[in-house]
PDB file of N, CA and C in Angstrom:
ATOM      1  N   MET A   1       7.313 193.962 152.893  1.00  0.00           N
ATOM      2  CA  MET A   1       6.615 194.750 152.449  1.00  0.00           C
ATOM      3  C   MET A   1       5.598 195.212 153.105  1.00  0.00           C
ATOM      4  N   ALA A   2       6.202 196.982 153.286  1.00  0.00           N
ATOM      5  CA  ALA A   2       5.323 197.688 155.409  1.00  0.00           C
ATOM      6  C   ALA A   2       3.988 197.911 154.334  1.00  0.00           C
ATOM      7  N   LYS A   3       2.703 197.866 155.596  1.00  0.00           N
ATOM      8  CA  LYS A   3       1.777 198.573 155.739  1.00  0.00           C
ATOM      9  C   LYS A   3       1.129 200.170 155.723  1.00  0.00           C
ATOM     10  N   PHE A   4       0.945 200.728 154.739  1.00  0.00           N
ATOM     11  CA  PHE A   4       0.414 202.233 155.057  1.00  0.00           C
ATOM     12  C   PHE A   4      -0.421 202.243 155.324  1.00  0.00           C
ATOM     13  N   MET A   5      -1.838 203.537 156.284  1.00  0.00           N
ATOM     14  CA  MET A   5      -2.776 203.630 155.723  1.00  0.00           C
ATOM     15  C   MET A   5      -3.215 205.193 154.933  1.00  0.00           C
ATOM     16  N   ASP A   6      -3.566 205.866 153.403  1.00  0.00           N
ATOM     17  CA  ASP A   6      -3.935 207.393 154.003  1.00  0.00           C
ATOM     18  C   ASP A   6      -5.276 207.369 154.338  1.00  0.00           C
ATOM     19  N   ILE A   7      -5.290 208.768 153.954  1.00  0.00           N
ATOM     20  CA  ILE A   7      -6.371 210.026 153.651  1.00  0.00           C
ATOM     21  C   ILE A   7      -6.307 211.418 153.038  1.00  0.00           C
ATOM     22  N   HIS A   8      -7.230 210.746 152.500  1.00  0.00           N
ATOM     23  CA  HIS A   8      -7.333 211.847 151.906  1.00  0.00           C
ATOM     24  C   HIS A   8      -8.605 212.977 152.316  1.00  0.00           C
ATOM     25  N   ASN A   9      -8.792 213.745 151.842  1.00  0.00           N
ATOM     26  CA  ASN A   9      -9.932 215.214 152.539  1.00  0.00           C
ATOM     27  C   ASN A   9     -11.001 215.548 151.002  1.00  0.00           C
ATOM     28  N   GLY A  10     -11.837 216.204 150.944  1.00  0.00           N
ATOM     29  CA  GLY A  10     -12.334 216.526 149.988  1.00  0.00           C
ATOM     30  C   GLY A  10     -12.754 216.000 149.199  1.00  0.00           C
ATOM     31  N   PHE A  11     -13.163 214.707 149.338  1.00  0.00           N
ATOM     32  CA  PHE A  11     -13.786 213.830 148.264  1.00  0.00           C
ATOM     33  C   PHE A  11     -15.439 214.101 148.707  1.00  0.00           C
ATOM     34  N   ILE A  12     -16.104 215.197 149.291  1.00  0.00           N
ATOM     35  CA  ILE A  12     -17.821 215.615 149.443  1.00  0.00           C
ATOM     36  C   ILE A  12     -18.457 215.632 148.210  1.00  0.00           C
ATOM     37  N   GLY A  13     -18.945 214.517 148.409  1.00  0.00           N
ATOM     38  CA  GLY A  13     -20.251 214.419 146.919  1.00  0.00           C
ATOM     39  C   GLY A  13     -19.579 213.315 145.965  1.00  0.00           C
ATOM     40  N   VAL A  14     -18.796 212.696 146.074  1.00  0.00           N
ATOM     41  CA  VAL A  14     -18.305 211.996 145.278  1.00  0.00           C
ATOM     42  C   VAL A  14     -19.075 209.975 145.385  1.00  0.00           C
ATOM     43  N   THR A  15     -19.153 209.532 144.166  1.00  0.00           N
ATOM     44  CA  THR A  15     -20.055 208.848 144.058  1.00  0.00           C
ATOM     45  C   THR A  15     -18.671 207.432 144.034  1.00  0.00           C
ATOM     46  N   GLU A  16     -20.122 206.054 144.509  1.00  0.00           N
ATOM     47  CA  GLU A  16     -19.193 205.429 143.784  1.00  0.00           C
ATOM     48  C   GLU A  16     -18.039 204.499 143.100  1.00  0.00           C
ATOM     49  N   LEU A  17     -18.513 205.633 141.835  1.00  0.00           N
ATOM     50  CA  LEU A  17     -18.153 204.941 140.555  1.00  0.00           C
ATOM     51  C   LEU A  17     -16.508 205.882 140.731  1.00  0.00           C
ATOM     52  N   GLN A  18     -16.910 207.683 140.795  1.00  0.00           N
ATOM     53  CA  GLN A  18     -16.111 207.961 140.911  1.00  0.00           C
ATOM     54  C   GLN A  18     -14.596 207.956 141.500  1.00  0.00           C
ATOM     55  N   LEU A  19     -15.336 207.128 142.579  1.00  0.00           N
ATOM     56  CA  LEU A  19     -14.432 206.352 143.739  1.00  0.00           C
ATOM     57  C   LEU A  19     -13.617 205.871 143.224  1.00  0.00           C
ATOM     58  N   ARG A  20     -14.314 204.682 142.017  1.00  0.00           N
ATOM     59  CA  ARG A  20     -13.803 203.479 141.919  1.00  0.00           C
ATOM     60  C   ARG A  20     -12.375 204.803 140.508  1.00  0.00           C
ATOM     61  N   GLU A  21     -13.273 205.287 139.671  1.00  0.00           N
ATOM     62  CA  GLU A  21     -11.898 206.156 139.054  1.00  0.00           C
ATOM     63  C   GLU A  21     -10.448 206.326 139.291  1.00  0.00           C
ATOM     64  N   ALA A  22     -11.033 207.133 140.405  1.00  0.00           N
ATOM     65  CA  ALA A  22     -10.029 207.894 141.210  1.00  0.00           C
ATOM     66  C   ALA A  22      -8.482 205.884 141.869  1.00  0.00           C
ATOM     67  N   VAL A  23      -9.139 205.105 142.368  1.00  0.00           N
ATOM     68  CA  VAL A  23      -8.916 204.542 142.720  1.00  0.00           C
ATOM     69  C   VAL A  23      -8.211 203.426 140.796  1.00  0.00           C
ATOM     70  N   GLY A  24      -8.352 203.541 140.534  1.00  0.00           N
ATOM     71  CA  GLY A  24      -7.769 203.326 139.206  1.00  0.00           C
ATOM     72  C   GLY A  24      -6.653 203.653 138.294  1.00  0.00           C
ATOM     73  N   ARG A  25      -7.049 205.062 139.314  1.00  0.00           N
ATOM     74  CA  ARG A  25      -5.124 205.997 138.553  1.00  0.00           C
ATOM     75  C   ARG A  25      -4.303 205.646 139.297  1.00  0.00           C
ATOM     76  N   ASP A  26      -4.762 205.025 140.672  1.00  0.00           N
ATOM     77  CA  ASP A  26      -3.273 204.784 141.370  1.00  0.00           C
ATOM     78  C   ASP A  26      -3.280 203.317 140.737  1.00  0.00           C
ATOM     79  N   LEU A  27      -3.766 202.920 141.076  1.00  0.00           N
ATOM     80  CA  LEU A  27      -3.827 200.853 140.105  1.00  0.00           C
ATOM     81  C   LEU A  27      -2.960 200.811 139.218  1.00  0.00           C
ATOM     82  N   ALA A  28      -3.409 202.469 137.877  1.00  0.00           N
ATOM     83  CA  ALA A  28      -2.790 202.409 136.915  1.00  0.00           C
ATOM     84  C   ALA A  28      -1.223 202.695 136.372  1.00  0.00           C
ATOM     85  N   VAL A  29      -0.556 203.284 138.024  1.00  0.00           N
ATOM     86  CA  VAL A  29       0.644 203.990 137.936  1.00  0.00           C
ATOM     87  C   VAL A  29       1.742 203.182 139.598  1.00  0.00           C
ATOM     88  N   GLU A  30       0.896 202.572 139.871  1.00  0.00           N
ATOM     89  CA  GLU A  30       1.648 201.402 141.139  1.00  0.00           C
ATOM     90  C   GLU A  30       2.671 201.004 140.978  1.00  0.00           C
ATOM     91  N   ALA A  31       3.278 200.245 140.422  1.00  0.00           N
ATOM     92  CA  ALA A  31       3.540 199.134 139.710  1.00  0.00           C
ATOM     93  C   ALA A  31       5.417 199.705 140.258  1.00  0.00           C
ATOM     94  N   ALA A  32       5.191 201.364 138.970  1.00  0.00           N
ATOM     95  CA  ALA A  32       6.603 201.344 139.405  1.00  0.00           C
ATOM     96  C   ALA A  32       7.066 202.082 140.338  1.00  0.00           C
ATOM     97  N   ASP A  33       6.514 202.180 141.300  1.00  0.00           N
ATOM     98  CA  ASP A  33       7.390 202.866 142.477  1.00  0.00           C
ATOM     99  C   ASP A  33       7.334 201.569 143.985  1.00  0.00           C
ATOM    100  N   GLY A  34       6.531 200.132 143.440  1.00  0.00           N
ATOM    101  CA  GLY A  34       6.711 199.539 143.818  1.00  0.00           C
ATOM    102  C   GLY A  34       5.268 198.810 144.924  1.00  0.00           C
ATOM    103  N   VAL A  35       4.328 199.864 144.759  1.00  0.00           N
ATOM    104  CA  VAL A  35       2.924 200.231 145.854  1.00  0.00           C
ATOM    105  C   VAL A  35       1.831 199.243 144.881  1.00  0.00           C
ATOM    106  N   HIS A  36       1.149 198.847 146.126  1.00  0.00           N
ATOM    107  CA  HIS A  36       0.190 198.119 145.847  1.00  0.00           C
ATOM    108  C   HIS A  36      -1.407 198.336 146.351  1.00  0.00           C
ATOM    109  N   PHE A  37      -1.924 199.230 145.992  1.00  0.00           N
ATOM    110  CA  PHE A  37      -3.331 199.862 147.005  1.00  0.00           C
ATOM    111  C   PHE A  37      -3.780 198.140 147.002  1.00  0.00           C
ATOM    112  N   GLU A  38      -4.360 198.048 148.141  1.00  0.00           N
ATOM    113  CA  GLU A  38      -5.443 196.713 148.554  1.00  0.00           C
ATOM    114  C   GLU A  38      -6.904 197.199 148.634  1.00  0.00           C
ATOM    115  N   HIS A  39      -6.975 198.355 149.431  1.00  0.00           N
ATOM    116  CA  HIS A  39      -8.469 198.428 149.633  1.00  0.00           C
ATOM    117  C   HIS A  39      -8.994 199.890 149.835  1.00  0.00           C
ATOM    118  N   THR A  40      -9.577 200.395 149.509  1.00  0.00           N
ATOM    119  CA  THR A  40     -10.672 201.755 149.772  1.00  0.00           C
ATOM    120  C   THR A  40     -11.579 201.583 150.353  1.00  0.00           C
ATOM    121  N   TRP A  41     -11.666 202.071 151.034  1.00  0.00           N
ATOM    122  CA  TRP A  41     -12.510 203.287 152.123  1.00  0.00           C
ATOM    123  C   TRP A  41     -13.973 204.766 151.439  1.00  0.00           C
ATOM    124  N   LEU A  42     -14.277 205.160 151.573  1.00  0.00           N
ATOM    125  CA  LEU A  42     -14.955 206.894 151.752  1.00  0.00           C
ATOM    126  C   LEU A  42     -16.451 206.966 152.865  1.00  0.00           C
ATOM    127  N   ASP A  43     -15.027 207.826 153.734  1.00  0.00           N
ATOM    128  CA  ASP A  43     -17.151 208.179 154.266  1.00  0.00           C
ATOM    129  C   ASP A  43     -17.674 209.145 153.982  1.00  0.00           C
ATOM    130  N   ALA A  44     -18.693 208.663 152.662  1.00  0.00           N
ATOM    131  CA  ALA A  44     -19.288 210.000 151.943  1.00  0.00           C
ATOM    132  C   ALA A  44     -19.822 211.628 153.205  1.00  0.00           C
ATOM    133  N   GLU A  45     -20.007 211.299 154.009  1.00  0.00           N
ATOM    134  CA  GLU A  45     -20.343 212.038 154.762  1.00  0.00           C
ATOM    135  C   GLU A  45     -19.820 213.235 155.099  1.00  0.00           C
ATOM    136  N   SER A  46     -17.861 212.583 155.165  1.00  0.00           N
ATOM    137  CA  SER A  46     -17.310 213.680 156.040  1.00  0.00           C
ATOM    138  C   SER A  46     -16.156 214.022 154.796  1.00  0.00           C
ATOM    139  N   GLY A  47     -16.808 213.243 152.929  1.00  0.00           N
ATOM    140  CA  GLY A  47     -15.566 213.162 152.086  1.00  0.00           C
ATOM    141  C   GLY A  47     -14.752 212.566 152.280  1.00  0.00           C
ATOM    142  N   THR A  48     -14.022 211.866 153.334  1.00  0.00           N
ATOM    143  CA  THR A  48     -12.956 211.632 153.326  1.00  0.00           C
ATOM    144  C   THR A  48     -12.169 209.832 153.023  1.00  0.00           C
ATOM    145  N   ALA A  49     -11.575 209.909 152.500  1.00  0.00           N
ATOM    146  CA  ALA A  49     -11.228 208.620 152.126  1.00  0.00           C
ATOM    147  C   ALA A  49     -10.205 208.003 152.349  1.00  0.00           C
ATOM    148  N   PHE A  50      -9.916 206.431 152.617  1.00  0.00           N
ATOM    149  CA  PHE A  50      -8.591 206.180 153.415  1.00  0.00           C
ATOM    150  C   PHE A  50      -8.248 205.272 152.200  1.00  0.00           C
ATOM    151  N   CYS A  51      -6.951 205.338 151.989  1.00  0.00           N
ATOM    152  CA  CYS A  51      -6.166 203.528 151.910  1.00  0.00           C
ATOM    153  C   CYS A  51      -5.449 202.981 152.451  1.00  0.00           C
ATOM    154  N   LEU A  52      -5.643 201.669 152.349  1.00  0.00           N
ATOM    155  CA  LEU A  52      -5.172 200.568 152.110  1.00  0.00           C
ATOM    156  C   LEU A  52      -3.969 200.008 151.683  1.00  0.00           C
ATOM    157  N   SER A  53      -2.268 199.848 151.883  1.00  0.00           N
ATOM    158  CA  SER A  53      -1.561 200.315 150.628  1.00  0.00           C
ATOM    159  C   SER A  53      -0.486 199.552 151.036  1.00  0.00           C
ATOM    160  N   SER A  54       0.372 198.530 150.373  1.00  0.00           N
ATOM    161  CA  SER A  54       1.361 198.146 150.410  1.00  0.00           C
ATOM    162  C   SER A  54       2.250 199.192 150.389  1.00  0.00           C
ATOM    163  N   GLY A  55       3.277 198.707 150.136  1.00  0.00           N
ATOM    164  CA  GLY A  55       4.488 199.218 149.395  1.00  0.00           C
ATOM    165  C   GLY A  55       5.975 199.251 150.448  1.00  0.00           C
ATOM    166  N   PRO A  56       6.851 199.812 149.993  1.00  0.00           N
ATOM    167  CA  PRO A  56       8.606 199.865 149.983  1.00  0.00           C
ATOM    168  C   PRO A  56       8.877 201.124 151.746  1.00  0.00           C
ATOM    169  N   SER A  57       7.427 202.180 151.175  1.00  0.00           N
ATOM    170  CA  SER A  57       7.877 203.535 152.432  1.00  0.00           C
ATOM    171  C   SER A  57       6.324 204.869 151.562  1.00  0.00           C
ATOM    172  N   LYS A  58       7.229 205.516 152.635  1.00  0.00           N
ATOM    173  CA  LYS A  58       5.690 206.728 152.814  1.00  0.00           C
ATOM    174  C   LYS A  58       5.846 207.426 151.696  1.00  0.00           C
ATOM    175  N   GLU A  59       7.371 207.817 151.046  1.00  0.00           N
ATOM    176  CA  GLU A  59       7.228 208.350 150.353  1.00  0.00           C
ATOM    177  C   GLU A  59       6.757 207.835 148.910  1.00  0.00           C
ATOM    178  N   ALA A  60       7.266 206.543 148.514  1.00  0.00           N
ATOM    179  CA  ALA A  60       6.519 205.649 147.342  1.00  0.00           C
ATOM    180  C   ALA A  60       4.863 205.553 147.157  1.00  0.00           C
ATOM    181  N   VAL A  61       3.834 205.599 147.585  1.00  0.00           N
ATOM    182  CA  VAL A  61       2.552 205.951 148.550  1.00  0.00           C
ATOM    183  C   VAL A  61       1.693 207.126 147.269  1.00  0.00           C
ATOM    184  N   ARG A  62       2.481 207.833 148.546  1.00  0.00           N
ATOM    185  CA  ARG A  62       3.065 209.704 148.020  1.00  0.00           C
ATOM    186  C   ARG A  62       2.757 209.898 146.506  1.00  0.00           C
ATOM    187  N   ARG A  63       3.311 209.481 146.303  1.00  0.00           N
ATOM    188  CA  ARG A  63       3.920 209.712 144.896  1.00  0.00           C
ATOM    189  C   ARG A  63       3.598 208.863 144.104  1.00  0.00           C
ATOM    190  N   VAL A  64       2.338 207.605 144.120  1.00  0.00           N
ATOM    191  CA  VAL A  64       1.447 207.521 144.184  1.00  0.00           C
ATOM    192  C   VAL A  64       0.498 207.902 143.693  1.00  0.00           C
ATOM    193  N   HIS A  65       0.272 208.448 144.441  1.00  0.00           N
ATOM    194  CA  HIS A  65      -0.962 208.737 144.860  1.00  0.00           C
ATOM    195  C   HIS A  65      -0.582 210.963 144.206  1.00  0.00           C
ATOM    196  N   ASP A  66       0.421 211.336 143.894  1.00  0.00           N
ATOM    197  CA  ASP A  66       0.348 212.208 142.824  1.00  0.00           C
ATOM    198  C   ASP A  66       0.130 212.233 141.404  1.00  0.00           C
ATOM    199  N   LYS A  67       1.682 211.044 141.354  1.00  0.00           N
ATOM    200  CA  LYS A  67       0.811 211.064 139.867  1.00  0.00           C
ATOM    201  C   LYS A  67      -0.665 211.124 139.307  1.00  0.00           C
ATOM    202  N   ALA A  68      -0.994 210.171 140.712  1.00  0.00           N
ATOM    203  CA  ALA A  68      -2.503 209.892 140.301  1.00  0.00           C
ATOM    204  C   ALA A  68      -3.484 210.958 139.914  1.00  0.00           C
ATOM    205  N   GLY A  69      -3.460 211.889 140.519  1.00  0.00           N
ATOM    206  CA  GLY A  69      -3.811 213.459 140.825  1.00  0.00           C
ATOM    207  C   GLY A  69      -4.770 213.005 142.217  1.00  0.00           C
ATOM    208  N   HIS A  70      -4.415 212.532 143.231  1.00  0.00           N
ATOM    209  CA  HIS A  70      -5.086 213.090 144.414  1.00  0.00           C
ATOM    210  C   HIS A  70      -4.889 212.655 145.576  1.00  0.00           C
ATOM    211  N   PRO A  71      -3.504 213.851 145.527  1.00  0.00           N
ATOM    212  CA  PRO A  71      -2.345 213.813 146.738  1.00  0.00           C
ATOM    213  C   PRO A  71      -3.377 213.678 148.142  1.00  0.00           C
ATOM    214  N   ALA A  72      -2.444 212.138 149.169  1.00  0.00           N
ATOM    215  CA  ALA A  72      -2.818 211.454 150.186  1.00  0.00           C
ATOM    216  C   ALA A  72      -2.545 212.868 151.834  1.00  0.00           C
ATOM    217  N   GLN A  73      -3.390 213.683 152.391  1.00  0.00           N
ATOM    218  CA  GLN A  73      -3.108 214.689 153.252  1.00  0.00           C
ATOM    219  C   GLN A  73      -2.678 213.973 154.288  1.00  0.00           C
ATOM    220  N   GLU A  74      -2.849 212.264 154.494  1.00  0.00           N
ATOM    221  CA  GLU A  74      -1.512 211.821 155.620  1.00  0.00           C
ATOM    222  C   GLU A  74      -1.141 210.561 155.596  1.00  0.00           C
ATOM    223  N   ILE A  75      -0.382 209.926 155.717  1.00  0.00           N
ATOM    224  CA  ILE A  75      -0.283 208.370 155.822  1.00  0.00           C
ATOM    225  C   ILE A  75       0.537 208.193 156.856  1.00  0.00           C
ATOM    226  N   TYR A  76       0.006 206.795 157.209  1.00  0.00           N
ATOM    227  CA  TYR A  76       0.265 206.317 158.084  1.00  0.00           C
ATOM    228  C   TYR A  76       0.723 204.403 157.745  1.00  0.00           C
ATOM    229  N   GLU A  77       2.396 204.709 158.569  1.00  0.00           N
ATOM    230  CA  GLU A  77       2.403 202.830 158.560  1.00  0.00           C
ATOM    231  C   GLU A  77       1.666 202.350 159.461  1.00  0.00           C
ATOM    232  N   LEU A  78       1.378 200.801 158.834  1.00  0.00           N
ATOM    233  CA  LEU A  78       1.164 200.276 159.972  1.00  0.00           C
ATOM    234  C   LEU A  78       2.012 199.067 160.886  1.00  0.00           C
ATOM    235  N   SER A  79       2.866 199.133 161.808  1.00  0.00           N
ATOM    236  CA  SER A  79       3.591 198.422 162.547  1.00  0.00           C
ATOM    237  C   SER A  79       3.416 197.731 163.142  1.00  0.00           C
ATOM    238  N   VAL A  80       2.244 197.364 163.531  1.00  0.00           N
ATOM    239  CA  VAL A  80       1.904 196.611 164.700  1.00  0.00           C
ATOM    240  C   VAL A  80       0.149 195.873 163.841  1.00  0.00           C
ATOM    241  N   GLU A  81      -0.335 194.659 163.632  1.00  0.00           N
ATOM    242  CA  GLU A  81      -1.422 194.205 162.515  1.00  0.00           C
ATOM    243  C   GLU A  81      -1.522 193.149 163.774  1.00  0.00           C
ATOM    244  N   VAL A  82      -3.030 192.831 164.319  1.00  0.00           N
ATOM    245  CA  VAL A  82      -3.714 191.943 164.248  1.00  0.00           C
ATOM    246  C   VAL A  82      -5.092 191.116 164.091  1.00  0.00           C
ATOM    247  N   GLU A  83      -4.811 190.680 163.584  1.00  0.00           N
ATOM    248  CA  GLU A  83      -5.950 189.516 162.848  1.00  0.00           C
ATOM    249  C   GLU A  83      -6.739 189.142 163.825  1.00  0.00           C
ATOM    250  N   GLY A  84      -7.854 188.840 163.611  1.00  0.00           N
ATOM    251  CA  GLY A  84      -9.198 188.555 164.954  1.00  0.00           C
ATOM    252  C   GLY A  84      -9.205 189.196 165.858  1.00  0.00           C
ATOM    253  N   PRO A  85     -10.528 188.715 166.578  1.00  0.00           N
ATOM    254  CA  PRO A  85     -10.213 189.257 167.763  1.00  0.00           C
ATOM    255  C   PRO A  85      -9.430 188.706 168.911  1.00  0.00           C
ATOM    256  N   PRO A  86      -9.547 189.093 170.172  1.00  0.00           N
ATOM    257  CA  PRO A  86      -7.744 188.436 170.816  1.00  0.00           C
ATOM    258  C   PRO A  86      -8.571 187.429 171.602  1.00  0.00           C
ATOM    259  N   PRO A  87      -6.871 186.626 171.657  1.00  0.00           N
ATOM    260  CA  PRO A  87      -7.754 185.159 171.978  1.00  0.00           C
ATOM    261  C   PRO A  87      -8.299 185.741 173.338  1.00  0.00           C
ATOM    262  N   VAL A  88      -9.433 184.703 173.926  1.00  0.00           N
ATOM    263  CA  VAL A  88     -10.442 184.464 175.529  1.00  0.00           C
ATOM    264  C   VAL A  88      -9.184 183.667 176.117  1.00  0.00           C
ATOM    265  N   VAL A  89      -9.451 183.918 177.278  1.00  0.00           N
ATOM    266  CA  VAL A  89      -8.177 183.554 178.057  1.00  0.00           C
ATOM    267  C   VAL A  89      -9.539 182.493 179.489  1.00  0.00           C
ATOM    268  N   ARG A  90      -9.671 181.378 179.306  1.00  0.00           N
ATOM    269  CA  ARG A  90     -10.265 181.191 180.375  1.00  0.00           C
ATOM    270  C   ARG A  90      -9.532 180.415 181.244  1.00  0.00           C
ATOM    271  N   PRO A  91      -9.819 181.200 183.132  1.00  0.00           N
ATOM    272  CA  PRO A  91      -9.971 179.830 183.629  1.00  0.00           C
ATOM    273  C   PRO A  91      -9.511 178.512 184.201  1.00  0.00           C
ATOM    274  N   ASN A  92      -8.941 178.183 184.912  1.00  0.00           N
ATOM    275  CA  ASN A  92      -8.736 176.948 184.266  1.00  0.00           C
ATOM    276  C   ASN A  92      -9.266 176.314 186.068  1.00  0.00           C
ATOM    277  N   LEU A  93     -10.671 176.151 185.963  1.00  0.00           N
ATOM    278  CA  LEU A  93     -11.417 175.055 186.817  1.00  0.00           C
ATOM    279  C   LEU A  93     -11.358 173.841 187.615  1.00  0.00           C
ATOM    280  N   THR A  94     -10.038 173.609 186.986  1.00  0.00           N
ATOM    281  CA  THR A  94     -10.362 171.578 187.644  1.00  0.00           C
ATOM    282  C   THR A  94     -10.085 171.703 189.068  1.00  0.00           C
ATOM    283  N   GLY A  95     -10.624 170.885 189.629  1.00  0.00           N
ATOM    284  CA  GLY A  95     -10.994 171.179 190.670  1.00  0.00           C
ATOM    285  C   GLY A  95     -11.495 171.254 191.930  1.00  0.00           C
ATOM    286  N   VAL A  96     -12.223 172.642 190.639  1.00  0.00           N
ATOM    287  CA  VAL A  96     -13.013 173.245 192.043  1.00  0.00           C
ATOM    288  C   VAL A  96     -14.190 173.418 191.590  1.00  0.00           C
ATOM    289  N   ALA A  97     -14.627 173.763 193.223  1.00  0.00           N
ATOM    290  CA  ALA A  97     -15.484 172.224 193.261  1.00  0.00           C
ATOM    291  C   ALA A  97     -16.432 173.310 193.311  1.00  0.00           C
ATOM    292  N   ALA A  98     -17.619 173.576 192.366  1.00  0.00           N
ATOM    293  CA  ALA A  98     -18.885 175.112 192.637  1.00  0.00           C
ATOM    294  C   ALA A  98     -20.247 174.476 193.401  1.00  0.00           C
ATOM    295  N   THR A  99     -20.411 175.647 194.208  1.00  0.00           N
ATOM    296  CA  THR A  99     -21.565 174.797 195.091  1.00  0.00           C
ATOM    297  C   THR A  99     -22.603 175.887 194.754  1.00  0.00           C
ATOM    298  N   TRP A 100     -23.515 176.261 194.230  1.00  0.00           N
ATOM    299  CA  TRP A 100     -24.995 176.867 194.419  1.00  0.00           C
ATOM    300  C   TRP A 100     -26.529 176.625 195.671  1.00  0.00           C
ATOM    301  N   PRO A 101     -27.113 177.837 196.110  1.00  0.00           N
ATOM    302  CA  PRO A 101     -27.356 177.740 197.293  1.00  0.00           C
ATOM    303  C   PRO A 101     -28.715 176.943 196.574  1.00  0.00           C
ATOM    304  N   ASP A 102     -29.655 175.603 197.036  1.00  0.00           N
ATOM    305  CA  ASP A 102     -30.684 175.171 196.634  1.00  0.00           C
ATOM    306  C   ASP A 102     -31.916 176.169 197.658  1.00  0.00           C
ATOM    307  N   THR A 103     -32.117 176.857 196.053  1.00  0.00           N
ATOM    308  CA  THR A 103     -32.900 177.529 196.295  1.00  0.00           C
ATOM    309  C   THR A 103     -34.776 177.425 195.661  1.00  0.00           C
ATOM    310  N   ARG A 104     -35.049 175.648 196.130  1.00  0.00           N
ATOM    311  CA  ARG A 104     -35.922 175.623 195.775  1.00  0.00           C
ATOM    312  C   ARG A 104     -36.718 175.532 196.643  1.00  0.00           C
ATOM    313  N   GLU A 105     -36.953 176.168 197.959  1.00  0.00           N
ATOM    314  CA  GLU A 105     -37.311 175.876 199.115  1.00  0.00           C
ATOM    315  C   GLU A 105     -38.400 177.417 199.068  1.00  0.00           C
ATOM    316  N   GLN A 106     -37.370 178.402 197.754  1.00  0.00           N
ATOM    317  CA  GLN A 106     -37.808 180.069 198.179  1.00  0.00           C
ATOM    318  C   GLN A 106     -38.483 179.807 196.701  1.00  0.00           C
ATOM    319  N   ILE A 107     -38.863 179.144 196.378  1.00  0.00           N
ATOM    320  CA  ILE A 107     -39.853 178.799 194.650  1.00  0.00           C
ATOM    321  C   ILE A 107     -40.700 178.759 194.914  1.00  0.00           C
ATOM    322  N   LYS A 108     -41.014 177.809 195.714  1.00  0.00           N
ATOM    323  CA  LYS A 108     -42.928 177.368 196.555  1.00  0.00           C
ATOM    324  C   LYS A 108     -43.628 178.046 196.383  1.00  0.00           C
TER     325      LYS A 108
END
């Protein structure tokens, strides 16, 4: 199942309770289109909401938001996902001698 991130503008002044109610409207109608909304974030200052969902297509995500009464202005399919930080590649120092200058004389 593909993942999508969509963006809604105009949520200025929306409270957490109001955002939960909006998400609840999505959850109430999502199954009919094979979509599942996984997480929602709100930047209260700009009034921008971001929804992470999985589903069969952008069109299905758009239909659910339209039915719920808050159409998304933008929808992006997330085709690449990386979980956690990238692996750290450590150099192989086997057999490499490290020498440090003797600074004991300089400390006195």
